[in-house]
Amino acid sequence: MITSLDTNILLDVLIPDDVHFQRSKKLLDEHFEKGQLIICEVVHAELASQFPAEKDIRAFLGDTGIRLIHSSEKALYIAGERWRQYAKDRDQKLQCPYCGNRITVTCSKCGHNIYSRQHIISDFLIAAHAIVHAEILLSRDRGFYRAYFKNLKVIG
C-alpha cells in the first residue's frame, strides 16, 4: 500500500503538538508497516522550512523511509481542474478542515463579515498527487479534501 502524507501530519510529529502528536505518530507507524510513505514536492518544500540545512531534511526522509515522488502531468492537471472548481464555487464562508462545515464570521465590533482565503493551490496539488500516486492520504484536512476530492481516501 502506498500512503501519501500531508504536511500537517509530519509537523505534528516534528514539532510535537499535544493535541495531535499521538494520533499522527500512530497513523505514520501504522501506514509505514503497511507499505510505502510518500510526499509530493509541496510537502517537501513545506517541510524544508523546519530544517536548518538541506542535508537535515534528506536525513529525516532517509531515516523515516519517506520518499519524494514527483508529480505527474495527470496529477497537475487534476489539481488545476479542482482548483478551478473551488475558485468558481468559493463563497465568503470559512470551512472547517475537519468536517467541512461552512460558516460566516462577523466582527463583534463593526458587524462586517470577516473573510479568509482558506485554501491555496498547494492543497490541491497535495490531494491530486495522492489520487494519482497513492491509495490513501494522511491529513487532518479531511473536510476540505472530501469536498473537492470525493474519490480520495483521507485518514487523519
N, C-alpha and C. Protein backbone atom coordinates (compact mmCIF):
# COMPACT_ATOMS: atom_id res chain seq x y z
N MET A 1 0.84 -1.18 0.00
CA MET A 1 0.00 0.00 0.00
C MET A 1 0.89 1.24 0.00
N ILE A 2 0.52 2.21 -0.80
CA ILE A 2 1.26 3.48 -0.86
C ILE A 2 0.41 4.55 -0.18
N THR A 3 0.99 5.23 0.79
CA THR A 3 0.31 6.26 1.55
C THR A 3 1.02 7.59 1.34
N SER A 4 0.26 8.58 0.92
CA SER A 4 0.78 9.92 0.74
C SER A 4 0.56 10.71 2.04
N LEU A 5 1.47 11.61 2.33
CA LEU A 5 1.42 12.36 3.59
C LEU A 5 1.23 13.85 3.34
N ASP A 6 0.32 14.43 4.09
CA ASP A 6 0.16 15.88 4.09
C ASP A 6 1.12 16.45 5.13
N THR A 7 1.51 17.67 4.94
CA THR A 7 2.49 18.31 5.82
C THR A 7 2.04 18.32 7.28
N ASN A 8 0.75 18.56 7.53
CA ASN A 8 0.30 18.70 8.91
C ASN A 8 0.56 17.45 9.75
N ILE A 9 0.45 16.28 9.16
CA ILE A 9 0.71 15.03 9.89
C ILE A 9 2.18 14.96 10.30
N LEU A 10 3.07 15.32 9.39
CA LEU A 10 4.50 15.28 9.69
C LEU A 10 4.90 16.36 10.70
N LEU A 11 4.31 17.54 10.58
CA LEU A 11 4.63 18.61 11.53
C LEU A 11 4.15 18.28 12.94
N ASP A 12 3.04 17.53 13.04
CA ASP A 12 2.56 17.10 14.36
C ASP A 12 3.62 16.30 15.10
N VAL A 13 4.45 15.57 14.35
CA VAL A 13 5.48 14.73 14.93
C VAL A 13 6.80 15.50 15.07
N LEU A 14 7.13 16.29 14.06
CA LEU A 14 8.38 17.06 14.10
C LEU A 14 8.36 18.18 15.14
N ILE A 15 7.22 18.83 15.26
CA ILE A 15 7.03 19.89 16.24
C ILE A 15 5.95 19.36 17.18
N PRO A 16 6.34 18.55 18.14
CA PRO A 16 5.33 17.86 18.96
C PRO A 16 4.18 18.76 19.40
N ASP A 17 3.01 18.31 19.04
CA ASP A 17 1.77 19.02 19.30
C ASP A 17 0.98 18.17 20.29
N ASP A 18 0.68 18.73 21.45
CA ASP A 18 -0.02 17.97 22.50
C ASP A 18 -1.35 17.40 22.02
N VAL A 19 -2.01 18.12 21.13
CA VAL A 19 -3.32 17.71 20.68
C VAL A 19 -3.23 16.60 19.63
N HIS A 20 -2.28 16.71 18.69
CA HIS A 20 -2.26 15.82 17.54
C HIS A 20 -1.09 14.83 17.47
N PHE A 21 -0.09 14.99 18.31
CA PHE A 21 1.12 14.16 18.21
C PHE A 21 0.82 12.67 18.23
N GLN A 22 0.12 12.19 19.24
CA GLN A 22 -0.12 10.75 19.40
C GLN A 22 -0.86 10.16 18.20
N ARG A 23 -1.91 10.83 17.77
CA ARG A 23 -2.70 10.32 16.64
C ARG A 23 -1.87 10.29 15.36
N SER A 24 -1.15 11.36 15.09
CA SER A 24 -0.35 11.43 13.87
C SER A 24 0.78 10.41 13.89
N LYS A 25 1.44 10.26 15.01
CA LYS A 25 2.53 9.28 15.14
C LYS A 25 1.98 7.87 14.93
N LYS A 26 0.84 7.57 15.51
CA LYS A 26 0.22 6.25 15.35
C LYS A 26 -0.12 5.99 13.87
N LEU A 27 -0.70 6.98 13.20
CA LEU A 27 -1.04 6.83 11.78
C LEU A 27 0.22 6.58 10.94
N LEU A 28 1.26 7.36 11.19
CA LEU A 28 2.51 7.18 10.45
C LEU A 28 3.08 5.77 10.66
N ASP A 29 3.10 5.32 11.91
CA ASP A 29 3.63 3.99 12.21
C ASP A 29 2.80 2.90 11.53
N GLU A 30 1.48 3.01 11.62
CA GLU A 30 0.59 2.01 11.02
C GLU A 30 0.78 1.93 9.51
N HIS A 31 0.85 3.07 8.86
CA HIS A 31 0.94 3.08 7.40
C HIS A 31 2.35 2.75 6.91
N PHE A 32 3.34 3.01 7.72
CA PHE A 32 4.70 2.58 7.38
C PHE A 32 4.75 1.04 7.35
N GLU A 33 4.07 0.41 8.31
CA GLU A 33 4.02 -1.05 8.37
C GLU A 33 3.28 -1.65 7.18
N LYS A 34 2.33 -0.89 6.62
CA LYS A 34 1.52 -1.39 5.50
C LYS A 34 2.16 -1.20 4.14
N GLY A 35 3.21 -0.36 4.07
CA GLY A 35 3.83 -0.12 2.76
C GLY A 35 4.66 1.14 2.72
N GLN A 36 4.64 1.80 1.58
CA GLN A 36 5.46 2.99 1.35
C GLN A 36 4.77 4.27 1.83
N LEU A 37 5.59 5.19 2.34
CA LEU A 37 5.13 6.54 2.67
C LEU A 37 5.77 7.48 1.65
N ILE A 38 4.93 8.32 1.03
CA ILE A 38 5.44 9.23 0.02
C ILE A 38 4.97 10.66 0.29
N ILE A 39 5.69 11.61 -0.29
CA ILE A 39 5.29 13.01 -0.26
C ILE A 39 5.48 13.60 -1.65
N CYS A 40 4.78 14.70 -1.90
CA CYS A 40 4.95 15.43 -3.15
C CYS A 40 5.88 16.61 -2.92
N GLU A 41 6.16 17.33 -3.98
CA GLU A 41 7.07 18.47 -3.91
C GLU A 41 6.60 19.54 -2.93
N VAL A 42 5.31 19.79 -2.87
CA VAL A 42 4.78 20.83 -1.99
C VAL A 42 5.05 20.48 -0.53
N VAL A 43 4.79 19.24 -0.16
CA VAL A 43 5.04 18.81 1.22
C VAL A 43 6.54 18.89 1.51
N HIS A 44 7.36 18.50 0.57
CA HIS A 44 8.81 18.59 0.75
C HIS A 44 9.22 20.03 1.02
N ALA A 45 8.69 20.96 0.23
CA ALA A 45 9.03 22.37 0.40
C ALA A 45 8.54 22.91 1.74
N GLU A 46 7.34 22.53 2.14
CA GLU A 46 6.82 22.98 3.43
C GLU A 46 7.64 22.40 4.58
N LEU A 47 8.05 21.15 4.46
CA LEU A 47 8.89 20.53 5.49
C LEU A 47 10.27 21.17 5.57
N ALA A 48 10.80 21.56 4.43
CA ALA A 48 12.14 22.15 4.38
C ALA A 48 12.26 23.36 5.31
N SER A 49 11.15 24.05 5.52
CA SER A 49 11.19 25.22 6.41
C SER A 49 11.50 24.85 7.85
N GLN A 50 11.40 23.58 8.20
CA GLN A 50 11.63 23.13 9.57
C GLN A 50 13.05 22.60 9.81
N PHE A 51 13.86 22.59 8.78
CA PHE A 51 15.21 22.04 8.89
C PHE A 51 16.25 23.13 8.60
N PRO A 52 17.32 23.17 9.39
CA PRO A 52 18.33 24.22 9.20
C PRO A 52 19.15 24.07 7.92
N ALA A 53 19.25 22.85 7.40
CA ALA A 53 20.05 22.62 6.20
C ALA A 53 19.41 21.52 5.35
N GLU A 54 19.73 21.56 4.07
CA GLU A 54 19.19 20.57 3.14
C GLU A 54 19.56 19.15 3.54
N LYS A 55 20.77 18.97 4.04
CA LYS A 55 21.20 17.63 4.44
C LYS A 55 20.34 17.09 5.59
N ASP A 56 19.80 17.98 6.40
CA ASP A 56 18.96 17.55 7.52
C ASP A 56 17.62 16.99 7.06
N ILE A 57 16.99 17.63 6.09
CA ILE A 57 15.72 17.09 5.59
C ILE A 57 15.97 15.79 4.83
N ARG A 58 17.09 15.74 4.10
CA ARG A 58 17.44 14.48 3.43
C ARG A 58 17.61 13.36 4.44
N ALA A 59 18.29 13.64 5.54
CA ALA A 59 18.50 12.64 6.58
C ALA A 59 17.16 12.21 7.20
N PHE A 60 16.29 13.17 7.46
CA PHE A 60 14.98 12.86 8.02
C PHE A 60 14.21 11.93 7.10
N LEU A 61 14.15 12.28 5.82
CA LEU A 61 13.42 11.46 4.87
C LEU A 61 14.05 10.08 4.73
N GLY A 62 15.36 10.02 4.72
CA GLY A 62 16.05 8.74 4.64
C GLY A 62 15.81 7.88 5.87
N ASP A 63 15.88 8.49 7.04
CA ASP A 63 15.69 7.76 8.30
C ASP A 63 14.26 7.23 8.44
N THR A 64 13.30 7.97 7.92
CA THR A 64 11.90 7.58 8.08
C THR A 64 11.39 6.74 6.91
N GLY A 65 12.18 6.64 5.86
CA GLY A 65 11.75 5.87 4.69
C GLY A 65 10.73 6.59 3.83
N ILE A 66 10.53 7.88 4.07
CA ILE A 66 9.58 8.66 3.29
C ILE A 66 10.26 9.06 1.98
N ARG A 67 9.55 8.79 0.87
CA ARG A 67 10.12 9.07 -0.46
C ARG A 67 9.41 10.25 -1.12
N LEU A 68 10.20 11.09 -1.75
CA LEU A 68 9.66 12.17 -2.57
C LEU A 68 9.35 11.59 -3.95
N ILE A 69 8.09 11.69 -4.34
CA ILE A 69 7.65 11.24 -5.66
C ILE A 69 7.19 12.48 -6.42
N HIS A 70 7.82 12.73 -7.54
CA HIS A 70 7.47 13.92 -8.32
C HIS A 70 6.10 13.76 -8.96
N SER A 71 5.38 14.85 -9.02
CA SER A 71 4.03 14.86 -9.58
C SER A 71 4.05 14.58 -11.07
N SER A 72 3.09 13.82 -11.50
CA SER A 72 2.92 13.54 -12.93
C SER A 72 2.09 14.67 -13.55
N GLU A 73 2.09 14.73 -14.88
CA GLU A 73 1.26 15.71 -15.56
C GLU A 73 -0.22 15.49 -15.24
N LYS A 74 -0.61 14.24 -15.09
CA LYS A 74 -2.01 13.94 -14.76
C LYS A 74 -2.38 14.53 -13.40
N ALA A 75 -1.52 14.37 -12.41
CA ALA A 75 -1.78 14.93 -11.07
C ALA A 75 -1.87 16.45 -11.15
N LEU A 76 -0.99 17.06 -11.90
CA LEU A 76 -1.01 18.52 -12.03
C LEU A 76 -2.29 19.00 -12.71
N TYR A 77 -2.75 18.25 -13.70
CA TYR A 77 -3.99 18.62 -14.37
C TYR A 77 -5.18 18.52 -13.41
N ILE A 78 -5.23 17.42 -12.66
CA ILE A 78 -6.33 17.23 -11.70
C ILE A 78 -6.33 18.37 -10.68
N ALA A 79 -5.16 18.74 -10.19
CA ALA A 79 -5.08 19.85 -9.22
C ALA A 79 -5.64 21.13 -9.82
N GLY A 80 -5.26 21.43 -11.05
CA GLY A 80 -5.77 22.63 -11.71
C GLY A 80 -7.26 22.59 -11.95
N GLU A 81 -7.75 21.42 -12.33
CA GLU A 81 -9.18 21.25 -12.58
C GLU A 81 -9.99 21.46 -11.30
N ARG A 82 -9.55 20.88 -10.20
CA ARG A 82 -10.28 21.02 -8.92
C ARG A 82 -10.13 22.43 -8.37
N TRP A 83 -8.97 23.05 -8.57
CA TRP A 83 -8.77 24.44 -8.14
C TRP A 83 -9.75 25.35 -8.86
N ARG A 84 -9.92 25.12 -10.16
CA ARG A 84 -10.85 25.92 -10.96
C ARG A 84 -12.27 25.80 -10.38
N GLN A 85 -12.67 24.58 -10.04
CA GLN A 85 -14.00 24.36 -9.46
C GLN A 85 -14.13 25.07 -8.10
N TYR A 86 -13.10 24.96 -7.27
CA TYR A 86 -13.08 25.61 -5.96
C TYR A 86 -13.22 27.13 -6.13
N ALA A 87 -12.43 27.70 -7.02
CA ALA A 87 -12.47 29.15 -7.23
C ALA A 87 -13.84 29.59 -7.73
N LYS A 88 -14.45 28.77 -8.56
CA LYS A 88 -15.78 29.09 -9.10
C LYS A 88 -16.85 28.99 -8.01
N ASP A 89 -16.76 27.97 -7.17
CA ASP A 89 -17.78 27.71 -6.14
C ASP A 89 -17.56 28.49 -4.85
N ARG A 90 -16.36 29.00 -4.67
CA ARG A 90 -15.99 29.61 -3.38
C ARG A 90 -16.90 30.78 -3.06
N ASP A 91 -17.38 30.77 -1.85
CA ASP A 91 -18.13 31.92 -1.36
C ASP A 91 -17.28 32.54 -0.24
N GLN A 92 -17.83 33.39 0.53
CA GLN A 92 -17.05 34.08 1.55
C GLN A 92 -17.11 33.40 2.92
N LYS A 93 -17.56 32.15 2.94
CA LYS A 93 -17.64 31.43 4.21
C LYS A 93 -16.33 30.71 4.50
N LEU A 94 -16.09 30.49 5.77
CA LEU A 94 -14.93 29.71 6.19
C LEU A 94 -15.35 28.25 6.29
N GLN A 95 -14.42 27.33 6.00
CA GLN A 95 -14.74 25.91 6.01
C GLN A 95 -13.92 25.21 7.08
N CYS A 96 -14.61 24.41 7.91
CA CYS A 96 -13.92 23.62 8.94
C CYS A 96 -13.07 22.55 8.25
N PRO A 97 -11.78 22.46 8.60
CA PRO A 97 -10.93 21.46 7.96
C PRO A 97 -11.25 20.02 8.39
N TYR A 98 -11.98 19.85 9.49
CA TYR A 98 -12.28 18.51 9.99
C TYR A 98 -13.57 17.94 9.41
N CYS A 99 -14.65 18.74 9.40
CA CYS A 99 -15.93 18.20 8.97
C CYS A 99 -16.46 18.81 7.67
N GLY A 100 -15.87 19.94 7.25
CA GLY A 100 -16.32 20.57 6.02
C GLY A 100 -17.44 21.59 6.20
N ASN A 101 -17.93 21.77 7.43
CA ASN A 101 -18.99 22.75 7.70
C ASN A 101 -18.53 24.14 7.29
N ARG A 102 -19.44 24.92 6.72
CA ARG A 102 -19.11 26.26 6.25
C ARG A 102 -19.85 27.28 7.10
N ILE A 103 -19.12 28.30 7.59
CA ILE A 103 -19.71 29.31 8.47
C ILE A 103 -19.29 30.71 8.04
N THR A 104 -20.08 31.68 8.46
CA THR A 104 -19.74 33.08 8.27
C THR A 104 -19.31 33.64 9.62
N VAL A 105 -18.23 34.40 9.63
CA VAL A 105 -17.73 35.02 10.86
C VAL A 105 -17.92 36.52 10.72
N THR A 106 -18.50 37.11 11.75
CA THR A 106 -18.78 38.54 11.75
C THR A 106 -18.00 39.22 12.87
N CYS A 107 -17.43 40.38 12.58
CA CYS A 107 -16.70 41.16 13.58
C CYS A 107 -17.67 41.64 14.65
N SER A 108 -17.35 41.39 15.91
CA SER A 108 -18.24 41.78 17.01
C SER A 108 -18.26 43.29 17.23
N LYS A 109 -17.26 43.99 16.72
CA LYS A 109 -17.20 45.44 16.91
C LYS A 109 -17.94 46.20 15.82
N CYS A 110 -17.67 45.89 14.56
CA CYS A 110 -18.25 46.69 13.46
C CYS A 110 -19.35 45.98 12.69
N GLY A 111 -19.49 44.66 12.87
CA GLY A 111 -20.56 43.92 12.21
C GLY A 111 -20.27 43.45 10.80
N HIS A 112 -19.08 43.75 10.27
CA HIS A 112 -18.73 43.29 8.92
C HIS A 112 -18.27 41.83 8.95
N ASN A 113 -18.55 41.14 7.85
CA ASN A 113 -18.08 39.76 7.73
C ASN A 113 -16.57 39.74 7.58
N ILE A 114 -15.96 38.71 8.16
CA ILE A 114 -14.52 38.51 8.07
C ILE A 114 -14.29 37.40 7.06
N TYR A 115 -13.44 37.67 6.08
CA TYR A 115 -13.17 36.70 5.03
C TYR A 115 -11.73 36.23 5.11
N SER A 116 -11.54 35.02 4.70
CA SER A 116 -10.19 34.48 4.65
C SER A 116 -10.09 33.55 3.46
N ARG A 117 -8.99 33.62 2.79
CA ARG A 117 -8.72 32.69 1.70
C ARG A 117 -8.13 31.45 2.35
N GLN A 118 -8.92 30.41 2.50
CA GLN A 118 -8.50 29.26 3.27
C GLN A 118 -7.62 28.28 2.51
N HIS A 119 -7.85 28.13 1.25
CA HIS A 119 -7.10 27.10 0.51
C HIS A 119 -6.39 27.72 -0.68
N ILE A 120 -5.19 27.26 -0.86
CA ILE A 120 -4.38 27.73 -1.97
C ILE A 120 -4.06 26.53 -2.85
N ILE A 121 -3.48 26.78 -3.98
CA ILE A 121 -3.26 25.71 -4.96
C ILE A 121 -2.45 24.55 -4.37
N SER A 122 -1.59 24.82 -3.39
CA SER A 122 -0.78 23.74 -2.82
C SER A 122 -1.65 22.63 -2.22
N ASP A 123 -2.76 22.98 -1.61
CA ASP A 123 -3.67 21.96 -1.06
C ASP A 123 -4.19 21.04 -2.17
N PHE A 124 -4.47 21.63 -3.32
CA PHE A 124 -4.97 20.87 -4.45
C PHE A 124 -3.88 20.00 -5.06
N LEU A 125 -2.64 20.50 -5.06
CA LEU A 125 -1.52 19.70 -5.57
C LEU A 125 -1.28 18.47 -4.69
N ILE A 126 -1.37 18.65 -3.38
CA ILE A 126 -1.16 17.53 -2.44
C ILE A 126 -2.21 16.44 -2.68
N ALA A 127 -3.47 16.84 -2.78
CA ALA A 127 -4.54 15.86 -2.96
C ALA A 127 -4.48 15.18 -4.32
N ALA A 128 -4.26 15.94 -5.36
CA ALA A 128 -4.19 15.35 -6.71
C ALA A 128 -3.00 14.40 -6.82
N HIS A 129 -1.89 14.74 -6.21
CA HIS A 129 -0.71 13.86 -6.18
C HIS A 129 -1.10 12.54 -5.51
N ALA A 130 -1.83 12.62 -4.40
CA ALA A 130 -2.24 11.41 -3.69
C ALA A 130 -3.18 10.55 -4.53
N ILE A 131 -4.09 11.18 -5.26
CA ILE A 131 -5.01 10.42 -6.12
C ILE A 131 -4.25 9.60 -7.15
N VAL A 132 -3.25 10.22 -7.76
CA VAL A 132 -2.53 9.58 -8.85
C VAL A 132 -1.44 8.63 -8.36
N HIS A 133 -0.75 8.98 -7.28
CA HIS A 133 0.45 8.25 -6.88
C HIS A 133 0.30 7.39 -5.62
N ALA A 134 -0.86 7.43 -4.98
CA ALA A 134 -1.03 6.69 -3.72
C ALA A 134 -2.45 6.13 -3.63
N GLU A 135 -2.69 5.41 -2.56
CA GLU A 135 -4.03 4.86 -2.31
C GLU A 135 -4.75 5.60 -1.20
N ILE A 136 -3.99 6.27 -0.34
CA ILE A 136 -4.52 6.95 0.84
C ILE A 136 -3.73 8.23 1.06
N LEU A 137 -4.39 9.24 1.61
CA LEU A 137 -3.72 10.45 2.06
C LEU A 137 -3.93 10.58 3.56
N LEU A 138 -2.83 10.76 4.30
CA LEU A 138 -2.95 11.06 5.72
C LEU A 138 -2.94 12.57 5.88
N SER A 139 -4.00 13.13 6.46
CA SER A 139 -4.13 14.57 6.62
C SER A 139 -5.17 14.88 7.68
N ARG A 140 -5.00 16.02 8.34
CA ARG A 140 -6.04 16.49 9.25
C ARG A 140 -7.06 17.36 8.53
N ASP A 141 -6.86 17.66 7.25
CA ASP A 141 -7.79 18.49 6.48
C ASP A 141 -8.84 17.64 5.76
N ARG A 142 -9.42 16.70 6.48
CA ARG A 142 -10.35 15.76 5.87
C ARG A 142 -11.57 16.42 5.25
N GLY A 143 -12.16 17.39 5.92
CA GLY A 143 -13.37 18.02 5.42
C GLY A 143 -13.15 18.70 4.08
N PHE A 144 -12.07 19.43 3.96
CA PHE A 144 -11.75 20.09 2.70
C PHE A 144 -11.52 19.08 1.59
N TYR A 145 -10.70 18.08 1.85
CA TYR A 145 -10.39 17.11 0.80
C TYR A 145 -11.63 16.32 0.39
N ARG A 146 -12.51 16.02 1.33
CA ARG A 146 -13.74 15.31 0.97
C ARG A 146 -14.63 16.15 0.06
N ALA A 147 -14.60 17.45 0.27
CA ALA A 147 -15.46 18.33 -0.53
C ALA A 147 -15.00 18.41 -1.98
N TYR A 148 -13.69 18.40 -2.22
CA TYR A 148 -13.19 18.61 -3.57
C TYR A 148 -12.51 17.39 -4.19
N PHE A 149 -12.29 16.35 -3.38
CA PHE A 149 -11.65 15.13 -3.87
C PHE A 149 -12.42 13.93 -3.33
N LYS A 150 -13.65 13.79 -3.77
CA LYS A 150 -14.53 12.73 -3.25
C LYS A 150 -13.96 11.32 -3.49
N ASN A 151 -13.14 11.16 -4.52
CA ASN A 151 -12.57 9.84 -4.83
C ASN A 151 -11.24 9.58 -4.11
N LEU A 152 -10.88 10.44 -3.18
CA LEU A 152 -9.64 10.30 -2.42
C LEU A 152 -9.95 9.77 -1.02
N LYS A 153 -9.29 8.70 -0.62
CA LYS A 153 -9.45 8.18 0.74
C LYS A 153 -8.51 8.97 1.65
N VAL A 154 -9.09 9.67 2.62
CA VAL A 154 -8.32 10.52 3.53
C VAL A 154 -8.52 10.01 4.95
N ILE A 155 -7.41 9.80 5.64
CA ILE A 155 -7.45 9.36 7.03
C ILE A 155 -6.66 10.37 7.84
N GLY A 156 -7.17 10.72 9.00
CA GLY A 156 -6.45 11.66 9.83
C GLY A 156 -7.08 11.80 11.16
